Protein backbone atom coordinates (compact mmCIF):
# COMPACT_ATOMS: atom_id res chain seq x y z
CA MET A 1 0.08 0.03 0.01
CA LYS A 2 2.81 2.36 0.91
CA THR A 3 4.50 1.61 -2.39
CA MET A 4 1.24 2.28 -4.26
CA THR A 5 0.75 5.71 -2.36
CA LEU A 6 4.29 6.71 -3.13
CA LEU A 7 3.89 5.88 -6.86
CA ALA A 8 0.65 7.86 -7.05
CA VAL A 9 2.39 10.97 -5.40
CA CYS A 10 5.28 10.72 -7.82
CA LEU A 11 2.95 10.46 -10.83
CA LEU A 12 0.92 13.54 -9.58
CA SER A 13 4.27 15.43 -8.97
CA SER A 14 5.48 14.60 -12.53
CA GLY A 15 2.23 15.70 -14.10
CA SER A 16 2.37 19.01 -12.29
CA ALA A 17 6.02 19.52 -13.25
CA GLN A 18 5.13 18.84 -16.89
CA ALA A 19 2.17 21.35 -16.95
CA LYS A 20 2.73 23.82 -19.90
CA LEU A 21 2.23 27.56 -19.81
CA ASN A 22 -0.89 28.28 -21.83
CA VAL A 23 -0.05 30.94 -24.35
CA VAL A 24 -2.32 32.82 -26.73
CA VAL A 25 -0.97 35.24 -29.32
CA THR A 26 -2.87 37.32 -31.79
CA THR A 27 -0.83 36.99 -35.07
CA PRO A 28 1.21 34.48 -36.65
CA ASP A 29 4.47 36.53 -36.56
CA LEU A 30 4.08 36.81 -32.77
CA GLY A 31 3.36 33.06 -32.69
CA ALA A 32 6.45 32.12 -34.62
CA VAL A 33 8.62 34.07 -32.12
CA ALA A 34 6.74 32.84 -29.13
CA ALA A 35 7.23 29.28 -30.27
CA GLU A 36 10.95 29.80 -30.67
CA VAL A 37 11.19 31.19 -27.03
CA GLY A 38 8.70 28.82 -25.42
CA GLY A 39 9.72 25.64 -27.12
CA ASP A 40 8.12 22.56 -25.51
CA ARG A 41 7.34 24.44 -22.33
CA ILE A 42 4.33 26.14 -23.69
CA GLU A 43 0.88 25.32 -25.24
CA LEU A 44 0.54 27.83 -28.09
CA THR A 45 -2.65 29.18 -29.76
CA THR A 46 -2.56 31.80 -32.53
CA LEU A 47 -5.91 33.51 -33.06
CA MET A 48 -5.35 34.88 -36.61
CA ARG A 49 -4.72 32.61 -39.69
CA PRO A 50 -1.67 33.34 -41.59
CA ALA A 51 -3.50 34.51 -44.72
CA GLU A 52 -6.10 36.51 -42.88
CA ASP A 53 -6.29 40.24 -42.80
CA PRO A 54 -4.98 41.24 -39.35
CA HIS A 55 -7.36 44.25 -39.14
CA TYR A 56 -10.43 42.13 -39.63
CA VAL A 57 -9.80 38.81 -37.95
CA ASP A 58 -12.89 36.39 -37.86
CA ALA A 59 -13.42 36.51 -34.09
CA LYS A 60 -14.80 33.07 -33.40
CA PRO A 61 -16.60 32.31 -30.03
CA SER A 62 -13.90 29.66 -29.38
CA PHE A 63 -11.59 32.50 -29.00
CA ILE A 64 -13.19 33.47 -25.83
CA THR A 65 -12.58 30.09 -24.26
CA LYS A 66 -8.94 30.20 -25.29
CA LEU A 67 -8.41 33.59 -23.84
CA ALA A 68 -10.26 32.59 -20.67
CA ARG A 69 -7.68 29.78 -20.12
CA ALA A 70 -4.59 31.68 -21.03
CA ASP A 71 -1.74 32.27 -18.69
CA VAL A 72 -0.07 34.66 -21.18
CA LEU A 73 -1.54 36.85 -24.04
CA VAL A 74 0.96 38.44 -26.54
CA GLU A 75 -0.62 41.17 -28.77
CA GLY A 76 0.94 43.76 -30.94
CA GLY A 77 0.00 46.70 -28.75
CA ALA A 78 -0.29 49.31 -31.49
CA GLU A 79 -3.94 48.92 -32.40
CA LEU A 80 -3.56 46.46 -35.13
CA GLU A 81 -6.13 44.20 -33.26
CA VAL A 82 -8.28 46.97 -31.92
CA GLY A 83 -11.32 46.11 -34.19
CA TRP A 84 -11.60 42.49 -32.81
CA LEU A 85 -9.59 41.71 -29.68
CA PRO A 86 -11.05 43.99 -26.97
CA PRO A 87 -14.63 42.50 -27.08
CA LEU A 88 -13.12 39.01 -26.90
CA LEU A 89 -11.03 39.94 -23.81
CA HIS A 90 -14.06 41.47 -22.06
CA ARG A 91 -16.09 38.36 -22.53
CA ALA A 92 -13.19 36.09 -21.42
CA GLY A 93 -12.86 37.87 -18.14
CA ASN A 94 -9.37 36.48 -17.43
CA ALA A 95 -7.60 38.51 -14.77
CA LYS A 96 -4.33 36.94 -15.70
CA ILE A 97 -4.13 38.71 -19.04
CA ALA A 98 -5.73 41.98 -17.93
CA ALA A 99 -3.94 45.20 -18.83
CA GLY A 100 -0.75 45.75 -16.73
CA LYS A 101 -0.57 42.05 -15.47
CA PRO A 102 2.46 39.92 -16.00
CA GLY A 103 0.42 37.79 -18.37
CA ARG A 104 -0.18 40.59 -20.81
CA VAL A 105 2.47 41.30 -23.37
CA LEU A 106 2.36 44.51 -25.51
CA ALA A 107 4.87 43.57 -28.20
CA ASN A 108 5.59 47.17 -29.34
CA GLN A 109 7.05 48.27 -26.07
CA GLY A 110 10.56 49.28 -26.66
CA VAL A 111 10.24 49.44 -30.49
CA GLN A 112 11.00 52.58 -32.31
CA MET A 113 7.65 53.19 -33.94
CA LEU A 114 7.44 54.79 -37.44
CA GLU A 115 4.64 57.00 -38.89
CA VAL A 116 3.51 58.15 -35.57
CA PRO A 117 0.70 60.77 -36.48
CA ALA A 118 0.98 64.35 -35.17
CA THR A 119 -2.85 64.41 -34.94
CA LEU A 120 -5.52 61.80 -35.42
CA ASP A 121 -7.48 62.50 -38.61
CA ARG A 122 -9.58 59.73 -39.91
CA SER A 123 -9.82 61.52 -43.38
CA GLN A 124 -6.29 60.18 -43.79
CA GLY A 125 -7.47 56.70 -43.79
CA ASP A 126 -6.73 53.81 -41.33
CA ILE A 127 -3.89 55.30 -39.21
CA HIS A 128 -2.93 54.35 -35.67
CA ALA A 129 -2.16 56.55 -32.77
CA ALA A 130 0.82 54.55 -31.76
CA GLY A 131 2.37 54.57 -35.19
CA ASN A 132 2.44 51.93 -38.00
CA PRO A 133 1.75 48.57 -36.31
CA HIS A 134 3.47 46.31 -38.75
CA PHE A 135 6.85 46.53 -36.99
CA MET A 136 7.56 42.81 -36.69
CA ILE A 137 8.73 42.63 -40.23
CA ASP A 138 12.07 44.29 -39.14
CA PRO A 139 14.31 41.44 -37.71
CA GLU A 140 15.82 43.82 -35.17
CA ASN A 141 12.29 44.50 -33.81
CA ALA A 142 11.58 40.80 -33.65
CA LYS A 143 14.54 40.53 -31.29
CA VAL A 144 13.07 43.24 -28.99
CA VAL A 145 9.69 41.40 -29.05
CA ALA A 146 11.41 37.93 -28.22
CA ARG A 147 12.99 39.54 -25.05
CA HIS A 148 9.64 40.78 -23.86
CA ILE A 149 8.00 37.28 -24.50
CA ALA A 150 10.92 35.59 -22.67
CA GLU A 151 10.47 37.88 -19.64
CA ALA A 152 6.72 37.25 -19.63
CA PHE A 153 7.20 33.58 -19.84
CA ALA A 154 9.79 33.53 -17.00
CA SER A 155 7.52 35.63 -14.77
CA ASN A 156 4.61 33.23 -15.23
CA ASP A 157 6.78 30.04 -15.17
CA ALA A 158 9.83 30.69 -12.99
CA ALA A 159 10.74 27.05 -12.98
CA SER A 160 11.51 27.20 -16.79
CA ALA A 161 13.12 30.54 -16.77
CA GLU A 162 16.53 29.23 -17.77
CA VAL A 163 14.99 27.34 -20.58
CA TYR A 164 13.25 30.45 -21.94
CA GLN A 165 16.50 32.46 -21.72
CA ALA A 166 18.39 29.68 -23.64
CA ASN A 167 15.85 29.57 -26.34
CA LEU A 168 15.83 33.44 -26.59
CA LYS A 169 19.63 33.45 -26.98
CA LYS A 170 19.37 30.85 -29.80
CA PHE A 171 16.62 32.94 -31.60
CA ILE A 172 18.76 36.16 -31.39
CA GLU A 173 21.81 34.36 -32.58
CA LYS A 174 19.87 33.16 -35.56
CA ILE A 175 18.83 36.79 -36.31
CA ASP A 176 22.31 38.22 -35.82
CA GLU A 177 23.79 35.57 -38.07
CA ARG A 178 21.25 36.16 -40.94
CA VAL A 179 20.98 40.02 -40.93
CA PRO A 180 24.37 40.77 -42.62
CA ALA A 181 23.48 38.30 -45.39
CA TRP A 182 20.00 39.66 -45.82
CA GLN A 183 21.48 43.18 -46.04
CA LYS A 184 24.15 42.10 -48.56
CA THR A 185 21.55 40.52 -50.70
CA LEU A 186 19.54 43.75 -51.02
CA ALA A 187 22.47 46.15 -50.98
CA PRO A 188 22.49 46.32 -54.83
CA PHE A 189 19.08 47.66 -54.89
CA LYS A 190 19.47 50.37 -52.06
CA GLY A 191 17.25 53.33 -52.68
CA GLN A 192 15.19 51.48 -55.54
CA SER A 193 11.52 52.13 -55.54
CA VAL A 194 8.93 49.34 -54.97
CA VAL A 195 5.14 49.83 -55.05
CA GLY A 196 3.14 48.41 -52.24
CA TYR A 197 -0.53 47.70 -51.77
CA HIS A 198 -1.04 48.69 -48.21
CA SER A 199 1.29 50.92 -46.14
CA SER A 200 2.54 47.93 -44.14
CA TRP A 201 6.27 47.87 -45.20
CA PRO A 202 8.09 51.00 -43.69
CA TYR A 203 10.11 48.97 -41.10
CA PHE A 204 11.35 46.47 -43.88
CA ALA A 205 12.16 49.37 -46.21
CA GLN A 206 14.08 51.09 -43.50
CA ARG A 207 16.05 48.19 -42.51
CA PHE A 208 16.95 47.13 -45.85
CA GLY A 209 17.38 50.38 -47.81
CA LEU A 210 14.42 50.15 -50.15
CA ARG A 211 11.83 52.78 -51.02
CA ILE A 212 8.26 51.42 -50.54
CA ASP A 213 6.36 54.70 -50.54
CA VAL A 214 3.86 54.43 -53.42
CA PHE A 215 0.63 52.38 -52.69
CA LEU A 216 -2.20 51.06 -54.65
CA GLU A 217 -4.42 52.23 -51.87
CA PRO A 218 -5.09 55.95 -52.08
CA LYS A 219 -5.05 56.10 -48.29
CA PRO A 220 -4.43 53.28 -45.83
CA GLY A 221 -7.44 50.93 -45.68
CA LEU A 222 -9.25 52.61 -48.61
CA PRO A 223 -9.80 50.64 -51.82
CA PRO A 224 -8.02 51.72 -55.03
CA THR A 225 -9.93 54.08 -57.27
CA PRO A 226 -9.50 54.60 -61.00
CA ALA A 227 -8.12 58.03 -60.55
CA HIS A 228 -5.50 56.95 -58.07
CA MET A 229 -4.54 54.02 -60.40
CA ALA A 230 -3.79 56.39 -63.12
CA GLU A 231 -1.46 58.42 -60.82
CA VAL A 232 0.23 55.18 -59.65
CA ILE A 233 0.67 54.04 -63.31
CA GLU A 234 2.21 57.33 -64.13
CA LYS A 235 4.61 57.15 -61.17
CA ILE A 236 5.73 53.60 -62.06
CA LYS A 237 6.35 54.59 -65.62
CA SER A 238 8.21 57.89 -64.81
CA GLY A 239 10.20 56.27 -62.12
CA LYS A 240 10.91 53.11 -63.93
CA VAL A 241 9.58 51.02 -60.98
CA ARG A 242 9.65 47.31 -61.76
CA LEU A 243 8.27 45.65 -58.71
CA ILE A 244 4.81 45.70 -57.02
CA ILE A 245 4.35 43.72 -53.71
CA VAL A 246 1.04 42.55 -52.52
CA ASP A 247 0.22 41.15 -49.14
CA ARG A 248 -1.25 37.58 -49.28
CA TYR A 249 -4.58 38.52 -47.74
CA LEU A 250 -5.25 41.32 -50.29
CA ASP A 251 -6.83 40.99 -53.78
CA ARG A 252 -4.02 40.96 -56.33
CA ARG A 253 -6.13 41.78 -59.33
CA THR A 254 -5.62 45.46 -59.09
CA ALA A 255 -1.79 44.89 -58.94
CA ASP A 256 -1.99 42.47 -62.00
CA SER A 257 -3.77 45.10 -63.92
CA VAL A 258 -1.27 47.81 -63.14
CA ALA A 259 1.53 45.31 -63.93
CA GLN A 260 0.03 44.64 -67.40
CA ARG A 261 -0.13 48.33 -68.24
CA THR A 262 3.39 49.18 -66.89
CA GLY A 263 5.56 46.05 -67.35
CA ALA A 264 6.11 45.80 -63.67
CA GLU A 265 6.23 42.35 -61.95
CA VAL A 266 3.91 41.46 -59.12
CA LEU A 267 5.28 39.46 -56.15
CA GLU A 268 3.14 38.03 -53.40
CA VAL A 269 4.52 38.74 -49.85
CA SER A 270 3.32 38.43 -46.18
CA HIS A 271 4.35 39.51 -42.79
CA TYR A 272 3.13 36.18 -41.47
CA PRO A 273 4.99 32.85 -41.28
CA GLY A 274 2.85 30.09 -42.98
CA ALA A 275 1.12 32.43 -45.39
CA ILE A 276 3.45 31.67 -48.33
CA LYS A 277 3.00 28.16 -49.68
CA GLY A 278 6.08 26.06 -49.64
CA ILE A 279 7.97 28.31 -47.13
CA GLU A 280 8.72 26.80 -43.58
CA PRO A 281 6.40 28.68 -41.14
CA THR A 282 9.22 30.29 -39.16
CA TYR A 283 10.17 33.90 -38.71
CA VAL A 284 13.70 33.37 -40.28
CA ALA A 285 12.37 31.45 -43.17
CA LEU A 286 9.87 34.30 -43.90
CA ILE A 287 12.55 36.93 -43.95
CA ASP A 288 14.64 34.78 -46.11
CA TYR A 289 11.87 34.40 -48.61
CA LEU A 290 11.05 38.22 -48.62
CA VAL A 291 14.77 39.26 -49.10
CA ASN A 292 15.64 36.65 -51.79
CA SER A 293 12.50 36.84 -53.78
CA MET A 294 12.58 40.64 -53.75
CA ALA A 295 16.22 40.52 -54.72
CA ARG A 296 15.49 38.27 -57.71
CA SER A 297 12.56 40.38 -58.88
CA LEU A 298 14.65 43.56 -58.67
CA GLY A 299 17.52 41.97 -60.35
CA ARG A 300 15.49 40.87 -63.34
CA SER A 301 14.43 44.45 -63.82
CA LYS A 302 18.07 45.78 -64.11
C-alpha cells in the first residue's frame, strides 16, 4: 500500500512538473517568435490565420474560451487588433491577462515606432495613434519582442526561466547571423522604389534600404480608385519602377492590372509565417523568402 501511495504521489508530481504554460498570441508572426522562445514548455494558440487580414480577424466564439484559459497573451500593442480583440477579452474575463498584469505582453514596447501621426485625422485613412503597427517585419524589432516574451514567460513560469532564456539566446543568434547576409543580398538595390498595396512595409524598407512609398491604396485601408490608379501608373512609368508587392490577404487583381499596363512584376508577400506556400512557417524562413524573392525580382528588372 505504501508503495502504491508513493507511486501515485510521484505520478501527480510528475504531471504538475510537466504542465505547460498556456500562451495565446494574436498574429502568426508573434506566434512564430513565441514558439521559438517557449519551445516545448508552452501550449501555443494563434488566433489569426496566416493568410487572414490582421485588421479584420474572424473573431470566433472559441477564441473567448482560449483567452479565458490563457496564462499569457501576446498582442501587437499598436492597435492592429483593436477592431476585434477588446470584445473577446471583455467576455473572457481573465484577470491573468488583464492590462498591466504579468500575463499581458504588448509587443511594441521598446520598439521605435514609425509613422506616428501628429494628429489623429480619420480622413487620412486607417492610421494608428501609436504609429504603423507592422513593426515585426524588421528582424531587429523581432529581437526586441522576443525579449519581452521571454521575460513574460519567465515571470509566469519561473521553473522554466533558464530554458526560456536559452531559447531566446538561440533565436537572437539566428537573427544576428542572418542579418548581414540579408542586407548584402538587397544592398545592390538600395534606394530602389517598390510599389506596395497597403502601407505595411516601412520597417522592412528602412532596415534594408528600399523605398516603398507608393501604394495602390489611395489612403491606408481605402480601396483603389481609377483616378488613383492612373497616378500610380504614371509614377511607375516615370520612375521606372519594376516591382509591385501585394500582401497575401489582399486581392491582387488590381496589382496585376497595373503590372500589365506598366511591365512591372507582381510579387506575393506576407508579414506572417505560414502564409506563403512552400515556405517553412518560421520567422527566419519568412525573412529569407522576402529578401531573396525581392532581390530576384529587382535583379530581373536591371
